[in-house]
């Protein structure tokens, strides 16, 4: 917007609802290699465990919950699993 329309950075950021620091600061690339390796290693050893059991184990290695879950979803590991059903509830006859 600044180059095409000739408006100031302040006006362009205000129109786009961004902070001016976002215009000047370069975005840091994410390096999720260690997280991916840790998740895949855990899933290979424990294929039936979900995120609720994965998180406490990898938390001790210093990975945060939001980062772990973001990568866990990106690897398509957050699939619904069919639960084990117990005895079905049978309604009484009313007698």
C-alpha atoms as a PDB file:
ATOM      1  CA  UNK A   1       0.000   0.000   0.000  1.00  0.00           C
ATOM      2  CA  UNK A   2       2.844   2.320   0.789  1.00  0.00           C
ATOM      3  CA  UNK A   3       4.476   1.964  -2.624  1.00  0.00           C
ATOM      4  CA  UNK A   4       1.367   1.519  -4.772  1.00  0.00           C
ATOM      5  CA  UNK A   5      -0.825   4.214  -3.263  1.00  0.00           C
ATOM      6  CA  UNK A   6       1.815   6.564  -1.909  1.00  0.00           C
ATOM      7  CA  UNK A   7       0.443   6.701   1.625  1.00  0.00           C
ATOM      8  CA  UNK A   8       2.461   6.689   4.793  1.00  0.00           C
ATOM      9  CA  UNK A   9       3.383   3.544   6.715  1.00  0.00           C
ATOM     10  CA  UNK A  10       1.274   4.757   9.628  1.00  0.00           C
ATOM     11  CA  UNK A  11      -1.838   5.121   7.486  1.00  0.00           C
ATOM     12  CA  UNK A  12      -1.267   1.804   5.702  1.00  0.00           C
ATOM     13  CA  UNK A  13      -0.830  -0.105   8.952  1.00  0.00           C
ATOM     14  CA  UNK A  14      -3.881   1.559  10.420  1.00  0.00           C
ATOM     15  CA  UNK A  15      -5.966   0.597   7.365  1.00  0.00           C
ATOM     16  CA  UNK A  16      -4.710  -3.012   7.551  1.00  0.00           C
ATOM     17  CA  UNK A  17      -5.120  -3.038  11.356  1.00  0.00           C
ATOM     18  CA  UNK A  18      -1.505  -4.010  11.943  1.00  0.00           C
ATOM     19  CA  UNK A  19       1.066  -2.671  14.338  1.00  0.00           C
ATOM     20  CA  UNK A  20       3.781  -0.591  12.728  1.00  0.00           C
ATOM     21  CA  UNK A  21       6.380  -2.874  14.255  1.00  0.00           C
ATOM     22  CA  UNK A  22       4.943  -5.699  12.120  1.00  0.00           C
ATOM     23  CA  UNK A  23       5.756  -3.661   9.009  1.00  0.00           C
ATOM     24  CA  UNK A  24       9.397  -3.187   9.928  1.00  0.00           C
ATOM     25  CA  UNK A  25      10.268  -6.399  11.777  1.00  0.00           C
ATOM     26  CA  UNK A  26      11.080  -9.485   9.663  1.00  0.00           C
ATOM     27  CA  UNK A  27       9.203 -12.626  10.588  1.00  0.00           C
ATOM     28  CA  UNK A  28      11.315 -15.347  12.145  1.00  0.00           C
ATOM     29  CA  UNK A  29      11.042 -18.723  10.427  1.00  0.00           C
ATOM     30  CA  UNK A  30       9.849 -21.571  12.597  1.00  0.00           C
ATOM     31  CA  UNK A  31      12.127 -24.540  13.008  1.00  0.00           C
ATOM     32  CA  UNK A  32       9.869 -27.404  14.040  1.00  0.00           C
ATOM     33  CA  UNK A  33      12.361 -30.143  13.173  1.00  0.00           C
ATOM     34  CA  UNK A  34      13.134 -31.151  16.777  1.00  0.00           C
ATOM     35  CA  UNK A  35       9.431 -31.127  17.706  1.00  0.00           C
ATOM     36  CA  UNK A  36       8.497 -33.264  14.690  1.00  0.00           C
ATOM     37  CA  UNK A  37      11.259 -35.751  15.469  1.00  0.00           C
ATOM     38  CA  UNK A  38      10.189 -35.983  19.127  1.00  0.00           C
ATOM     39  CA  UNK A  39       6.501 -36.478  18.258  1.00  0.00           C
ATOM     40  CA  UNK A  40       7.219 -39.083  15.594  1.00  0.00           C
ATOM     41  CA  UNK A  41       9.547 -40.966  17.941  1.00  0.00           C
ATOM     42  CA  UNK A  42       6.886 -41.007  20.660  1.00  0.00           C
ATOM     43  CA  UNK A  43       4.119 -42.068  18.270  1.00  0.00           C
ATOM     44  CA  UNK A  44       6.289 -44.855  16.880  1.00  0.00           C
ATOM     45  CA  UNK A  45       6.794 -46.251  20.393  1.00  0.00           C
ATOM     46  CA  UNK A  46       3.208 -45.600  21.544  1.00  0.00           C
ATOM     47  CA  UNK A  47       0.884 -45.661  18.520  1.00  0.00           C
ATOM     48  CA  UNK A  48      -2.355 -45.738  20.513  1.00  0.00           C
ATOM     49  CA  UNK A  49      -1.579 -42.786  22.767  1.00  0.00           C
ATOM     50  CA  UNK A  50      -3.216 -39.473  21.998  1.00  0.00           C
ATOM     51  CA  UNK A  51      -2.134 -35.927  22.720  1.00  0.00           C
ATOM     52  CA  UNK A  52      -3.168 -36.137  26.371  1.00  0.00           C
ATOM     53  CA  UNK A  53      -0.483 -38.740  27.042  1.00  0.00           C
ATOM     54  CA  UNK A  54       2.046 -37.322  24.597  1.00  0.00           C
ATOM     55  CA  UNK A  55       2.115 -33.842  26.148  1.00  0.00           C
ATOM     56  CA  UNK A  56       3.351 -34.672  29.678  1.00  0.00           C
ATOM     57  CA  UNK A  57       6.122 -36.842  28.262  1.00  0.00           C
ATOM     58  CA  UNK A  58       7.435 -34.257  25.800  1.00  0.00           C
ATOM     59  CA  UNK A  59       6.885 -31.361  28.220  1.00  0.00           C
ATOM     60  CA  UNK A  60       9.826 -32.624  30.246  1.00  0.00           C
ATOM     61  CA  UNK A  61      11.990 -32.144  27.131  1.00  0.00           C
ATOM     62  CA  UNK A  62      11.115 -28.440  27.083  1.00  0.00           C
ATOM     63  CA  UNK A  63       8.428 -28.224  24.396  1.00  0.00           C
ATOM     64  CA  UNK A  64       5.400 -25.990  25.001  1.00  0.00           C
ATOM     65  CA  UNK A  65       1.808 -27.146  24.789  1.00  0.00           C
ATOM     66  CA  UNK A  66       0.679 -24.774  22.011  1.00  0.00           C
ATOM     67  CA  UNK A  67       3.664 -25.584  19.839  1.00  0.00           C
ATOM     68  CA  UNK A  68       3.273 -29.329  20.395  1.00  0.00           C
ATOM     69  CA  UNK A  69      -0.417 -29.242  19.545  1.00  0.00           C
ATOM     70  CA  UNK A  70       0.130 -27.102  16.430  1.00  0.00           C
ATOM     71  CA  UNK A  71       2.688 -29.576  15.071  1.00  0.00           C
ATOM     72  CA  UNK A  72       0.570 -32.549  16.232  1.00  0.00           C
ATOM     73  CA  UNK A  73      -2.347 -31.233  14.154  1.00  0.00           C
ATOM     74  CA  UNK A  74      -0.088 -30.453  11.177  1.00  0.00           C
ATOM     75  CA  UNK A  75       1.090 -34.078  11.173  1.00  0.00           C
ATOM     76  CA  UNK A  76      -2.605 -35.154  11.030  1.00  0.00           C
ATOM     77  CA  UNK A  77      -2.326 -37.148  14.252  1.00  0.00           C
ATOM     78  CA  UNK A  78      -5.413 -35.635  15.876  1.00  0.00           C
ATOM     79  CA  UNK A  79      -7.848 -38.129  14.404  1.00  0.00           C
ATOM     80  CA  UNK A  80     -10.970 -39.235  16.202  1.00  0.00           C
ATOM     81  CA  UNK A  81     -10.681 -42.711  17.627  1.00  0.00           C
ATOM     82  CA  UNK A  82     -13.561 -45.052  18.171  1.00  0.00           C
ATOM     83  CA  UNK A  83     -14.125 -45.408  21.879  1.00  0.00           C
ATOM     84  CA  UNK A  84     -14.742 -48.639  23.695  1.00  0.00           C
ATOM     85  CA  UNK A  85     -18.411 -49.014  24.539  1.00  0.00           C
ATOM     86  CA  UNK A  86     -19.488 -50.698  27.720  1.00  0.00           C
ATOM     87  CA  UNK A  87     -22.948 -51.944  28.481  1.00  0.00           C
ATOM     88  CA  UNK A  88     -25.574 -49.904  26.685  1.00  0.00           C
ATOM     89  CA  UNK A  89     -28.149 -48.149  28.808  1.00  0.00           C
ATOM     90  CA  UNK A  90     -31.468 -49.873  28.308  1.00  0.00           C
ATOM     91  CA  UNK A  91     -34.510 -47.837  29.333  1.00  0.00           C
ATOM     92  CA  UNK A  92     -36.881 -49.517  31.712  1.00  0.00           C
ATOM     93  CA  UNK A  93     -40.280 -50.662  30.543  1.00  0.00           C
ATOM     94  CA  UNK A  94     -42.106 -48.475  33.020  1.00  0.00           C
ATOM     95  CA  UNK A  95     -43.812 -51.349  34.900  1.00  0.00           C
END
